[in-house]
């Protein structure tokens, strides 16, 4: 059994074949960007991209994502270490407080901007509403999304 994570092929270690993607990522492969929040798919802290779409890795059995491209927070930065525009925007806007939900927020934003490079405020709200943030940083998150749009436009020039 193999997983395609952040552009690399990873064997699913013995004993992990019946676990969730989140557990394999964190415990077997050491990719700790996705967090275990609620373990019920409600908070979004465990969000990763599967086939470019945000998915709750705490609910996904490993067998459901074999040979499908998976992207975690660790896979967003470029090969030169340069942060993805969404990650940079999060830093520019000083979004994190506790930081626990941030990987999920960032992954949901990456998926949104890949599908809709210039989202309306309503589209941003719809994409991020399922991502729970208990710290109340939603205004900074919304500003960071707009900053990421600007950074992506600047990079395209």
C-alpha atoms as a PDB file:
ATOM      1  CA  UNK A   1       0.000   0.000   0.000  1.00  0.00           C
ATOM      2  CA  UNK A   2       1.351   3.375  -1.035  1.00  0.00           C
ATOM      3  CA  UNK A   3       0.315   6.971  -0.497  1.00  0.00           C
ATOM      4  CA  UNK A   4       1.258   9.940  -2.670  1.00  0.00           C
ATOM      5  CA  UNK A   5       1.941  12.738  -0.174  1.00  0.00           C
ATOM      6  CA  UNK A   6       3.377  16.121  -1.093  1.00  0.00           C
ATOM      7  CA  UNK A   7       4.647  14.731  -4.376  1.00  0.00           C
ATOM      8  CA  UNK A   8       6.434  11.765  -2.828  1.00  0.00           C
ATOM      9  CA  UNK A   9       5.504   8.109  -2.632  1.00  0.00           C
ATOM     10  CA  UNK A  10       5.240   6.686   0.896  1.00  0.00           C
ATOM     11  CA  UNK A  11       4.655   3.075   1.877  1.00  0.00           C
ATOM     12  CA  UNK A  12       1.969   2.622   4.497  1.00  0.00           C
ATOM     13  CA  UNK A  13       3.874   0.953   7.350  1.00  0.00           C
ATOM     14  CA  UNK A  14       2.787  -2.460   8.569  1.00  0.00           C
ATOM     15  CA  UNK A  15       0.061  -2.203  11.167  1.00  0.00           C
ATOM     16  CA  UNK A  16      -1.279   1.140   9.900  1.00  0.00           C
ATOM     17  CA  UNK A  17      -3.407  -0.098   6.975  1.00  0.00           C
ATOM     18  CA  UNK A  18      -6.673   0.106   8.930  1.00  0.00           C
ATOM     19  CA  UNK A  19      -6.070   3.543  10.434  1.00  0.00           C
ATOM     20  CA  UNK A  20      -7.219   6.979   9.382  1.00  0.00           C
ATOM     21  CA  UNK A  21      -5.118   9.112   7.106  1.00  0.00           C
ATOM     22  CA  UNK A  22      -4.566  11.548   9.986  1.00  0.00           C
ATOM     23  CA  UNK A  23      -3.029   8.896  12.219  1.00  0.00           C
ATOM     24  CA  UNK A  24      -0.780   7.605   9.443  1.00  0.00           C
ATOM     25  CA  UNK A  25       0.354  11.124   8.543  1.00  0.00           C
ATOM     26  CA  UNK A  26       1.122  12.156  12.112  1.00  0.00           C
ATOM     27  CA  UNK A  27       2.162   8.989  13.889  1.00  0.00           C
ATOM     28  CA  UNK A  28       3.673   6.823  11.154  1.00  0.00           C
ATOM     29  CA  UNK A  29       5.106   9.442   8.769  1.00  0.00           C
ATOM     30  CA  UNK A  30       5.832  12.353  11.110  1.00  0.00           C
ATOM     31  CA  UNK A  31       3.802  14.914   9.147  1.00  0.00           C
ATOM     32  CA  UNK A  32       2.287  16.910  11.982  1.00  0.00           C
ATOM     33  CA  UNK A  33       0.748  19.816  10.039  1.00  0.00           C
ATOM     34  CA  UNK A  34      -2.737  18.293  10.219  1.00  0.00           C
ATOM     35  CA  UNK A  35      -3.949  18.320  13.815  1.00  0.00           C
ATOM     36  CA  UNK A  36      -6.233  16.017  15.763  1.00  0.00           C
ATOM     37  CA  UNK A  37      -8.918  18.391  16.969  1.00  0.00           C
ATOM     38  CA  UNK A  38     -12.293  16.771  17.466  1.00  0.00           C
ATOM     39  CA  UNK A  39     -11.653  13.456  15.712  1.00  0.00           C
ATOM     40  CA  UNK A  40     -15.170  13.676  14.277  1.00  0.00           C
ATOM     41  CA  UNK A  41     -14.641  15.763  11.149  1.00  0.00           C
ATOM     42  CA  UNK A  42     -16.305  18.837  12.620  1.00  0.00           C
ATOM     43  CA  UNK A  43     -13.500  21.262  13.467  1.00  0.00           C
ATOM     44  CA  UNK A  44     -11.298  21.124  10.347  1.00  0.00           C
ATOM     45  CA  UNK A  45      -7.928  21.080  12.155  1.00  0.00           C
ATOM     46  CA  UNK A  46      -7.058  17.860  10.293  1.00  0.00           C
ATOM     47  CA  UNK A  47      -7.813  19.238   6.814  1.00  0.00           C
ATOM     48  CA  UNK A  48      -5.565  18.105   3.967  1.00  0.00           C
ATOM     49  CA  UNK A  49      -6.040  18.299   0.222  1.00  0.00           C
ATOM     50  CA  UNK A  50      -6.923  15.091  -1.600  1.00  0.00           C
ATOM     51  CA  UNK A  51      -7.088  15.523  -5.354  1.00  0.00           C
ATOM     52  CA  UNK A  52      -6.889  19.260  -4.619  1.00  0.00           C
ATOM     53  CA  UNK A  53     -10.033  19.243  -2.482  1.00  0.00           C
ATOM     54  CA  UNK A  54     -10.149  19.862   1.283  1.00  0.00           C
ATOM     55  CA  UNK A  55     -10.847  16.659   3.173  1.00  0.00           C
ATOM     56  CA  UNK A  56     -11.023  15.788   6.862  1.00  0.00           C
ATOM     57  CA  UNK A  57      -8.152  13.347   7.333  1.00  0.00           C
ATOM     58  CA  UNK A  58      -9.486  12.185  10.709  1.00  0.00           C
ATOM     59  CA  UNK A  59     -12.395  10.527   8.893  1.00  0.00           C
ATOM     60  CA  UNK A  60     -10.580   9.138   5.864  1.00  0.00           C
ATOM     61  CA  UNK A  61      -9.445   5.537   5.982  1.00  0.00           C
ATOM     62  CA  UNK A  62      -6.023   5.137   4.411  1.00  0.00           C
ATOM     63  CA  UNK A  63      -7.514   2.657   1.947  1.00  0.00           C
ATOM     64  CA  UNK A  64      -9.725   5.436   0.516  1.00  0.00           C
ATOM     65  CA  UNK A  65      -6.792   7.589  -0.567  1.00  0.00           C
ATOM     66  CA  UNK A  66      -4.279   5.121  -1.967  1.00  0.00           C
ATOM     67  CA  UNK A  67      -2.563   6.445  -5.110  1.00  0.00           C
ATOM     68  CA  UNK A  68      -4.449   9.779  -4.855  1.00  0.00           C
ATOM     69  CA  UNK A  69      -2.415  12.987  -4.505  1.00  0.00           C
ATOM     70  CA  UNK A  70      -2.471  14.240  -0.928  1.00  0.00           C
ATOM     71  CA  UNK A  71      -1.105  17.620   0.130  1.00  0.00           C
ATOM     72  CA  UNK A  72      -0.418  18.574   3.726  1.00  0.00           C
ATOM     73  CA  UNK A  73       0.747  21.870   5.170  1.00  0.00           C
ATOM     74  CA  UNK A  74       4.316  20.598   4.866  1.00  0.00           C
ATOM     75  CA  UNK A  75       3.920  20.262   1.104  1.00  0.00           C
ATOM     76  CA  UNK A  76       2.923  23.857   0.359  1.00  0.00           C
ATOM     77  CA  UNK A  77       6.303  25.586   0.475  1.00  0.00           C
ATOM     78  CA  UNK A  78       8.393  25.580  -2.662  1.00  0.00           C
ATOM     79  CA  UNK A  79      11.503  23.435  -3.120  1.00  0.00           C
ATOM     80  CA  UNK A  80      13.594  26.506  -2.269  1.00  0.00           C
ATOM     81  CA  UNK A  81      11.786  26.818   1.062  1.00  0.00           C
ATOM     82  CA  UNK A  82       9.803  29.864  -0.020  1.00  0.00           C
ATOM     83  CA  UNK A  83       6.427  29.869   1.657  1.00  0.00           C
ATOM     84  CA  UNK A  84       3.255  29.389  -0.339  1.00  0.00           C
ATOM     85  CA  UNK A  85       1.456  32.748  -0.798  1.00  0.00           C
ATOM     86  CA  UNK A  86      -1.269  31.664   1.625  1.00  0.00           C
ATOM     87  CA  UNK A  87       1.293  30.770   4.283  1.00  0.00           C
ATOM     88  CA  UNK A  88       3.056  34.097   3.732  1.00  0.00           C
ATOM     89  CA  UNK A  89      -0.237  35.970   3.984  1.00  0.00           C
ATOM     90  CA  UNK A  90      -0.953  34.244   7.312  1.00  0.00           C
ATOM     91  CA  UNK A  91       2.384  35.524   8.621  1.00  0.00           C
ATOM     92  CA  UNK A  92       1.927  39.007   7.134  1.00  0.00           C
ATOM     93  CA  UNK A  93      -1.444  39.356   8.856  1.00  0.00           C
ATOM     94  CA  UNK A  94      -0.275  37.727  12.126  1.00  0.00           C
ATOM     95  CA  UNK A  95      -3.254  35.393  12.060  1.00  0.00           C
ATOM     96  CA  UNK A  96      -2.387  32.638  14.542  1.00  0.00           C
ATOM     97  CA  UNK A  97      -3.040  32.904  18.228  1.00  0.00           C
ATOM     98  CA  UNK A  98      -3.054  29.339  19.482  1.00  0.00           C
ATOM     99  CA  UNK A  99      -2.408  28.153  15.930  1.00  0.00           C
ATOM    100  CA  UNK A 100      -4.219  24.856  16.307  1.00  0.00           C
ATOM    101  CA  UNK A 101      -6.734  25.441  13.513  1.00  0.00           C
ATOM    102  CA  UNK A 102      -4.329  27.226  11.202  1.00  0.00           C
ATOM    103  CA  UNK A 103      -3.227  24.252   9.091  1.00  0.00           C
ATOM    104  CA  UNK A 104      -6.859  23.515   8.270  1.00  0.00           C
ATOM    105  CA  UNK A 105      -7.614  27.177   7.595  1.00  0.00           C
ATOM    106  CA  UNK A 106      -4.602  27.442   5.293  1.00  0.00           C
ATOM    107  CA  UNK A 107      -5.401  24.243   3.403  1.00  0.00           C
ATOM    108  CA  UNK A 108      -9.028  25.316   2.891  1.00  0.00           C
ATOM    109  CA  UNK A 109      -7.818  28.692   1.605  1.00  0.00           C
ATOM    110  CA  UNK A 110      -5.342  27.083  -0.797  1.00  0.00           C
ATOM    111  CA  UNK A 111      -8.155  24.952  -2.247  1.00  0.00           C
ATOM    112  CA  UNK A 112     -10.443  27.976  -2.513  1.00  0.00           C
ATOM    113  CA  UNK A 113      -7.880  30.139  -4.308  1.00  0.00           C
ATOM    114  CA  UNK A 114      -6.854  27.322  -6.637  1.00  0.00           C
ATOM    115  CA  UNK A 115     -10.493  26.985  -7.711  1.00  0.00           C
ATOM    116  CA  UNK A 116     -11.428  30.675  -7.473  1.00  0.00           C
ATOM    117  CA  UNK A 117      -8.432  33.025  -7.729  1.00  0.00           C
ATOM    118  CA  UNK A 118     -10.517  36.111  -6.882  1.00  0.00           C
ATOM    119  CA  UNK A 119     -13.222  34.920  -4.485  1.00  0.00           C
ATOM    120  CA  UNK A 120     -16.050  37.103  -3.288  1.00  0.00           C
ATOM    121  CA  UNK A 121     -16.473  37.630   0.452  1.00  0.00           C
ATOM    122  CA  UNK A 122     -19.367  35.177   0.320  1.00  0.00           C
ATOM    123  CA  UNK A 123     -17.172  32.522  -1.307  1.00  0.00           C
ATOM    124  CA  UNK A 124     -14.486  33.048   1.322  1.00  0.00           C
ATOM    125  CA  UNK A 125     -17.073  32.715   4.075  1.00  0.00           C
ATOM    126  CA  UNK A 126     -18.531  29.547   2.558  1.00  0.00           C
ATOM    127  CA  UNK A 127     -15.088  27.958   2.162  1.00  0.00           C
ATOM    128  CA  UNK A 128     -13.898  28.801   5.663  1.00  0.00           C
ATOM    129  CA  UNK A 129     -17.131  28.429   7.645  1.00  0.00           C
ATOM    130  CA  UNK A 130     -16.503  24.692   8.237  1.00  0.00           C
ATOM    131  CA  UNK A 131     -13.076  25.520   9.721  1.00  0.00           C
ATOM    132  CA  UNK A 132     -13.598  26.150  13.433  1.00  0.00           C
ATOM    133  CA  UNK A 133     -11.454  28.814  15.142  1.00  0.00           C
ATOM    134  CA  UNK A 134     -12.070  29.247  18.845  1.00  0.00           C
ATOM    135  CA  UNK A 135      -9.617  32.161  19.238  1.00  0.00           C
ATOM    136  CA  UNK A 136     -11.757  34.637  17.334  1.00  0.00           C
ATOM    137  CA  UNK A 137      -9.170  35.439  14.662  1.00  0.00           C
ATOM    138  CA  UNK A 138     -11.742  35.363  11.859  1.00  0.00           C
ATOM    139  CA  UNK A 139     -11.217  39.033  10.891  1.00  0.00           C
ATOM    140  CA  UNK A 140      -7.464  38.445  10.510  1.00  0.00           C
ATOM    141  CA  UNK A 141      -8.137  35.222   8.603  1.00  0.00           C
ATOM    142  CA  UNK A 142     -10.360  37.109   6.145  1.00  0.00           C
ATOM    143  CA  UNK A 143      -7.661  39.795   5.713  1.00  0.00           C
ATOM    144  CA  UNK A 144      -5.059  37.071   5.149  1.00  0.00           C
ATOM    145  CA  UNK A 145      -7.188  35.542   2.390  1.00  0.00           C
ATOM    146  CA  UNK A 146      -7.297  38.909   0.619  1.00  0.00           C
ATOM    147  CA  UNK A 147      -3.550  39.306   1.157  1.00  0.00           C
ATOM    148  CA  UNK A 148      -2.984  35.848  -0.367  1.00  0.00           C
ATOM    149  CA  UNK A 149      -4.987  36.909  -3.428  1.00  0.00           C
ATOM    150  CA  UNK A 150      -2.658  39.917  -3.798  1.00  0.00           C
ATOM    151  CA  UNK A 151       0.488  37.828  -3.312  1.00  0.00           C
ATOM    152  CA  UNK A 152      -0.639  35.310  -5.920  1.00  0.00           C
ATOM    153  CA  UNK A 153      -1.346  38.123  -8.393  1.00  0.00           C
ATOM    154  CA  UNK A 154       2.084  39.662  -7.759  1.00  0.00           C
ATOM    155  CA  UNK A 155       3.785  36.300  -8.245  1.00  0.00           C
ATOM    156  CA  UNK A 156       1.974  35.790 -11.569  1.00  0.00           C
ATOM    157  CA  UNK A 157       3.385  39.025 -12.998  1.00  0.00           C
END
